[in-house]
């Protein structure tokens, strides 16, 4: 493994600061989604009006007739919504600048497709239903440690997304809210994604990059989580939620001991376990 330079480390820290500020601003903006307006009363009472709250889905709820209290509610909501929109807009502009600097200084080395996919899951609020497992998780660990693992250790042409099947209903509800299917979400990132006929939970694009939805790995679902902001080669950024590095090491060592598994894969499992173990001992002792 190779430590990143001081210049790259400084840029990453600055970029993550803006990225996380935008995450917070977007979470706050979610509380003022939709809108409010004054609805005219019945013809018999032309001077009366009612405050109505609307949702992005189009539903409406009456908050009552015009009173000093509802006028105050309306004023607070509109001010908060305006301030929230201004903050999100400003931070998006700042993040674009940071991402340009990321690219100029070669801060990242993750495939832009992976970052775009994670960003799409975040924007559609599907991120809580998935954890990145497998080889791509190494990018989260090396980024947190401020190092770069050997390219052979992290090389892969697929990403494994561990689906939390315990939350099927919430997942289906959120997909319905964004009026999509999981394949539809992937196709927003790359329109060439198609489901493999032989593997119904695997999608592949025109370049052969695969997205595998993993459903049976409860030992990983129940394990402690880990999160890091990763950077693509084009400078774009996304948050990667994965499993704790110690869990990764234990799971990879278990995989390496499975005698029925392909010998080359077992050797790679052991290599990755050793790499993350060393990374934890040297750079992430607090974990």
Protein backbone atom coordinates (compact mmCIF):
# COMPACT_ATOMS: atom_id res chain seq x y z
CA UNK A 1 0.00 0.00 0.00
CA UNK A 2 1.10 3.56 -0.72
CA UNK A 3 0.32 6.61 1.42
CA UNK A 4 -1.35 9.50 -0.39
CA UNK A 5 0.59 12.75 -0.68
CA UNK A 6 0.02 15.66 1.67
CA UNK A 7 -1.57 17.70 -1.15
CA UNK A 8 -4.01 14.93 -2.01
CA UNK A 9 -4.86 14.37 1.65
CA UNK A 10 -5.57 18.09 2.18
CA UNK A 11 -7.76 18.26 -0.91
CA UNK A 12 -9.70 15.16 0.14
CA UNK A 13 -10.34 16.61 3.60
CA UNK A 14 -11.57 19.89 2.10
CA UNK A 15 -13.77 18.12 -0.43
CA UNK A 16 -15.32 15.81 2.18
CA UNK A 17 -16.11 18.80 4.38
CA UNK A 18 -18.19 20.33 1.58
CA UNK A 19 -19.72 16.97 0.64
CA UNK A 20 -20.89 16.29 4.20
CA UNK A 21 -22.21 19.83 4.59
CA UNK A 22 -24.29 19.26 1.46
CA UNK A 23 -25.54 15.93 2.86
CA UNK A 24 -26.72 17.73 5.99
CA UNK A 25 -28.33 20.54 3.98
CA UNK A 26 -30.19 18.06 1.79
CA UNK A 27 -31.42 16.15 4.84
CA UNK A 28 -32.74 19.39 6.27
CA UNK A 29 -34.34 20.29 2.93
CA UNK A 30 -36.24 17.00 3.04
CA UNK A 31 -38.20 18.35 6.01
CA UNK A 32 -39.57 21.19 3.90
CA UNK A 33 -40.35 19.24 0.74
CA UNK A 34 -43.66 20.07 -0.84
CA UNK A 35 -45.24 23.42 -0.12
CA UNK A 36 -47.95 25.50 1.54
CA UNK A 37 -50.57 27.79 0.09
CA UNK A 38 -53.69 29.65 1.11
CA UNK A 39 -56.88 28.09 -0.24
CA UNK A 40 -59.89 30.35 -0.70
CA UNK A 41 -62.90 29.58 1.47
CA UNK A 42 -66.46 28.85 0.24
CA UNK A 43 -68.32 31.46 -1.86
CA UNK A 44 -70.49 32.33 1.15
CA UNK A 45 -67.34 33.40 3.00
CA UNK A 46 -65.16 35.00 0.31
CA UNK A 47 -62.83 36.59 2.84
CA UNK A 48 -61.98 33.31 4.58
CA UNK A 49 -59.04 31.15 3.58
CA UNK A 50 -57.36 27.98 4.77
CA UNK A 51 -53.71 27.01 4.99
CA UNK A 52 -52.94 23.85 3.01
CA UNK A 53 -49.76 21.74 3.16
CA UNK A 54 -48.84 19.83 -0.01
CA UNK A 55 -46.48 16.89 -0.49
CA UNK A 56 -44.27 16.06 -3.49
CA UNK A 57 -46.66 13.19 -4.24
CA UNK A 58 -49.52 15.65 -4.66
CA UNK A 59 -51.53 15.01 -1.51
CA UNK A 60 -52.87 17.94 0.50
CA UNK A 61 -53.66 18.50 4.16
CA UNK A 62 -55.57 21.44 5.63
CA UNK A 63 -53.83 23.07 8.56
CA UNK A 64 -56.82 25.18 9.47
CA UNK A 65 -58.32 28.61 8.78
CA UNK A 66 -56.29 31.77 8.61
CA UNK A 67 -55.32 32.78 12.15
CA UNK A 68 -52.26 34.43 13.65
CA UNK A 69 -51.00 30.91 14.40
CA UNK A 70 -51.37 29.55 10.87
CA UNK A 71 -49.94 32.75 9.42
CA UNK A 72 -46.89 32.22 11.63
CA UNK A 73 -46.65 28.59 10.46
CA UNK A 74 -46.76 29.72 6.84
CA UNK A 75 -44.13 32.42 7.40
CA UNK A 76 -41.76 30.03 9.17
CA UNK A 77 -42.18 27.35 6.52
CA UNK A 78 -41.58 29.65 3.55
CA UNK A 79 -38.56 31.25 5.18
CA UNK A 80 -37.07 27.89 6.10
CA UNK A 81 -37.71 26.53 2.61
CA UNK A 82 -36.11 29.57 0.98
CA UNK A 83 -33.04 29.45 3.24
CA UNK A 84 -32.71 25.70 2.74
CA UNK A 85 -32.84 26.04 -1.05
CA UNK A 86 -30.19 28.76 -0.98
CA UNK A 87 -27.90 26.66 1.20
CA UNK A 88 -28.26 23.56 -0.97
CA UNK A 89 -27.66 25.57 -4.13
CA UNK A 90 -24.55 27.22 -2.72
CA UNK A 91 -23.09 23.96 -1.46
CA UNK A 92 -23.73 22.25 -4.80
CA UNK A 93 -21.71 24.98 -6.49
CA UNK A 94 -18.94 24.60 -3.91
CA UNK A 95 -18.93 20.82 -4.37
CA UNK A 96 -18.58 21.19 -8.14
CA UNK A 97 -15.46 23.26 -7.54
CA UNK A 98 -14.07 20.69 -5.11
CA UNK A 99 -14.72 17.91 -7.58
CA UNK A 100 -12.80 19.81 -10.26
CA UNK A 101 -9.89 20.08 -7.83
CA UNK A 102 -10.20 16.37 -7.05
CA UNK A 103 -9.77 15.61 -10.73
CA UNK A 104 -6.88 18.03 -11.19
CA UNK A 105 -4.97 16.57 -8.24
CA UNK A 106 -5.96 12.97 -9.06
CA UNK A 107 -7.48 12.44 -5.64
CA UNK A 108 -9.70 9.53 -6.66
CA UNK A 109 -9.33 6.28 -8.52
CA UNK A 110 -12.77 4.68 -8.28
CA UNK A 111 -14.67 3.96 -11.50
CA UNK A 112 -17.00 6.94 -12.14
CA UNK A 113 -19.80 4.45 -12.86
CA UNK A 114 -19.59 3.16 -9.28
CA UNK A 115 -19.74 6.67 -7.83
CA UNK A 116 -22.65 7.56 -10.11
CA UNK A 117 -24.50 4.42 -9.02
CA UNK A 118 -24.02 5.18 -5.32
CA UNK A 119 -25.07 8.76 -5.94
CA UNK A 120 -28.24 7.56 -7.66
CA UNK A 121 -29.08 5.28 -4.73
CA UNK A 122 -28.62 8.25 -2.41
CA UNK A 123 -30.74 10.64 -4.46
CA UNK A 124 -33.58 8.11 -4.67
CA UNK A 125 -33.26 7.38 -0.92
CA UNK A 126 -32.50 3.73 -1.54
CA UNK A 127 -29.05 3.81 0.09
CA UNK A 128 -30.29 2.60 3.51
CA UNK A 129 -31.36 -0.67 1.89
CA UNK A 130 -27.90 -1.61 0.59
CA UNK A 131 -24.32 -2.15 1.74
CA UNK A 132 -21.41 -2.48 -0.64
CA UNK A 133 -19.62 -5.76 0.01
CA UNK A 134 -16.87 -7.58 -1.81
CA UNK A 135 -13.86 -6.02 -3.52
CA UNK A 136 -15.28 -2.52 -3.94
CA UNK A 137 -15.49 -2.14 -0.15
CA UNK A 138 -11.70 -1.86 -0.23
CA UNK A 139 -12.03 1.64 -1.65
CA UNK A 140 -13.87 2.78 1.47
CA UNK A 141 -11.19 1.32 3.74
CA UNK A 142 -8.20 2.69 1.83
CA UNK A 143 -9.81 6.11 1.54
CA UNK A 144 -10.43 6.27 5.29
CA UNK A 145 -6.85 5.25 5.92
CA UNK A 146 -5.36 7.72 3.44
CA UNK A 147 -3.58 5.06 1.44
CA UNK A 148 -3.88 3.25 -1.88
CA UNK A 149 -3.82 -0.51 -2.00
CA UNK A 150 -2.06 -2.34 -4.80
CA UNK A 151 -4.13 -2.11 -7.99
CA UNK A 152 -4.26 -5.89 -8.29
CA UNK A 153 -5.93 -6.11 -4.89
CA UNK A 154 -8.81 -3.79 -5.79
CA UNK A 155 -9.24 -4.65 -9.48
CA UNK A 156 -12.76 -5.87 -10.29
CA UNK A 157 -15.46 -5.55 -12.94
CA UNK A 158 -18.47 -5.94 -10.69
CA UNK A 159 -19.97 -4.45 -7.57
CA UNK A 160 -21.82 -6.47 -4.93
CA UNK A 161 -24.74 -4.71 -3.24
CA UNK A 162 -25.99 -6.50 -0.14
CA UNK A 163 -29.75 -5.99 -0.02
CA UNK A 164 -31.39 -5.80 3.40
CA UNK A 165 -34.28 -8.15 2.68
CA UNK A 166 -35.65 -7.56 6.19
CA UNK A 167 -36.99 -4.24 4.91
CA UNK A 168 -38.70 -5.44 1.75
CA UNK A 169 -41.85 -3.38 2.33
CA UNK A 170 -39.98 -0.12 2.92
CA UNK A 171 -37.82 -0.83 -0.12
CA UNK A 172 -40.83 -1.49 -2.36
CA UNK A 173 -42.55 1.62 -1.04
CA UNK A 174 -39.55 3.82 -1.83
CA UNK A 175 -39.22 2.34 -5.32
CA UNK A 176 -42.87 3.17 -5.90
CA UNK A 177 -42.28 6.73 -4.72
CA UNK A 178 -39.59 7.23 -7.35
CA UNK A 179 -41.80 5.43 -9.88
CA UNK A 180 -39.15 2.91 -10.80
CA UNK A 181 -37.78 -0.60 -10.53
CA UNK A 182 -34.26 -1.49 -9.42
CA UNK A 183 -33.30 -1.98 -13.05
CA UNK A 184 -34.83 1.41 -13.80
CA UNK A 185 -32.59 2.98 -11.16
CA UNK A 186 -29.53 1.38 -12.76
CA UNK A 187 -30.58 2.46 -16.25
CA UNK A 188 -30.69 6.09 -15.07
CA UNK A 189 -26.94 5.70 -14.48
CA UNK A 190 -26.24 3.68 -17.65
CA UNK A 191 -29.03 2.99 -20.10
CA UNK A 192 -27.29 -0.18 -21.35
CA UNK A 193 -27.83 -2.15 -18.13
CA UNK A 194 -29.80 -5.35 -18.70
CA UNK A 195 -30.76 -8.23 -16.41
CA UNK A 196 -28.80 -11.40 -17.11
CA UNK A 197 -31.21 -14.17 -18.08
CA UNK A 198 -29.24 -16.77 -16.15
CA UNK A 199 -28.96 -14.61 -13.02
CA UNK A 200 -32.08 -12.60 -12.23
CA UNK A 201 -30.36 -10.54 -9.53
CA UNK A 202 -27.44 -9.48 -11.73
CA UNK A 203 -27.43 -6.59 -14.22
CA UNK A 204 -24.69 -6.06 -16.79
CA UNK A 205 -23.96 -3.10 -19.04
CA UNK A 206 -22.45 -2.92 -22.55
CA UNK A 207 -18.92 -2.85 -21.11
CA UNK A 208 -19.43 -6.02 -19.09
CA UNK A 209 -19.63 -4.26 -15.72
CA UNK A 210 -21.96 -6.16 -13.41
CA UNK A 211 -24.12 -5.11 -10.47
CA UNK A 212 -24.91 -8.09 -8.27
CA UNK A 213 -27.71 -7.86 -5.72
CA UNK A 214 -26.75 -10.16 -2.84
CA UNK A 215 -29.71 -11.45 -0.82
CA UNK A 216 -28.38 -14.21 1.44
CA UNK A 217 -25.66 -12.95 3.76
CA UNK A 218 -27.27 -12.34 7.14
CA UNK A 219 -23.91 -12.49 8.90
CA UNK A 220 -22.96 -9.32 6.98
CA UNK A 221 -26.35 -7.65 7.45
CA UNK A 222 -26.07 -8.01 11.23
CA UNK A 223 -22.44 -6.85 11.33
CA UNK A 224 -21.39 -3.31 12.33
CA UNK A 225 -21.39 -0.85 9.47
CA UNK A 226 -18.70 1.41 8.06
CA UNK A 227 -18.99 4.46 5.85
CA UNK A 228 -16.58 6.61 3.86
CA UNK A 229 -16.79 9.21 1.10
CA UNK A 230 -15.07 7.86 -2.01
CA UNK A 231 -13.78 9.76 -5.04
CA UNK A 232 -13.90 8.74 -8.70
CA UNK A 233 -11.17 9.30 -11.25
CA UNK A 234 -13.23 12.16 -12.70
CA UNK A 235 -13.39 13.85 -9.27
CA UNK A 236 -17.03 13.08 -8.46
CA UNK A 237 -17.86 11.86 -4.96
CA UNK A 238 -20.31 9.56 -3.22
CA UNK A 239 -20.78 7.96 0.17
CA UNK A 240 -20.11 4.25 0.35
CA UNK A 241 -21.82 2.30 3.13
CA UNK A 242 -20.22 -1.08 3.73
CA UNK A 243 -19.33 -3.47 6.55
CA UNK A 244 -16.75 -2.86 9.26
CA UNK A 245 -13.21 -3.70 8.10
CA UNK A 246 -12.87 -6.35 10.81
CA UNK A 247 -16.00 -8.04 9.48
CA UNK A 248 -14.57 -7.91 5.97
CA UNK A 249 -11.37 -9.59 7.15
CA UNK A 250 -13.21 -12.34 9.00
CA UNK A 251 -15.55 -13.01 6.09
CA UNK A 252 -12.76 -13.08 3.52
CA UNK A 253 -10.73 -15.49 5.65
CA UNK A 254 -13.77 -17.74 5.92
CA UNK A 255 -14.21 -17.59 2.14
CA UNK A 256 -10.55 -18.44 1.64
CA UNK A 257 -11.02 -21.60 3.73
CA UNK A 258 -13.87 -22.95 1.60
CA UNK A 259 -12.24 -25.87 -0.20
CA UNK A 260 -15.05 -26.07 -2.74
CA UNK A 261 -14.35 -22.51 -3.91
CA UNK A 262 -12.20 -21.77 -6.96
CA UNK A 263 -8.52 -21.78 -5.98
CA UNK A 264 -7.79 -18.41 -7.62
CA UNK A 265 -10.70 -16.77 -5.81
CA UNK A 266 -9.60 -18.30 -2.50
CA UNK A 267 -6.10 -16.91 -3.01
CA UNK A 268 -7.54 -13.47 -3.73
CA UNK A 269 -9.80 -13.66 -0.67
CA UNK A 270 -6.75 -14.33 1.51
CA UNK A 271 -4.81 -11.50 -0.16
CA UNK A 272 -7.61 -9.01 0.49
CA UNK A 273 -8.04 -10.15 4.08
CA UNK A 274 -4.31 -9.68 4.71
CA UNK A 275 -4.35 -6.24 3.07
CA UNK A 276 -7.25 -4.94 5.16
CA UNK A 277 -5.82 -6.47 8.35
CA UNK A 278 -2.53 -4.67 7.73
CA UNK A 279 -4.36 -1.46 6.88
CA UNK A 280 -6.31 -1.59 10.16
CA UNK A 281 -3.26 -2.30 12.28
CA UNK A 282 -1.16 0.45 10.72
CA UNK A 283 -3.61 3.22 9.83
CA UNK A 284 -6.94 2.53 11.55
CA UNK A 285 -5.99 1.23 15.02
CA UNK A 286 -8.98 3.03 16.56
CA UNK A 287 -11.27 0.61 14.73
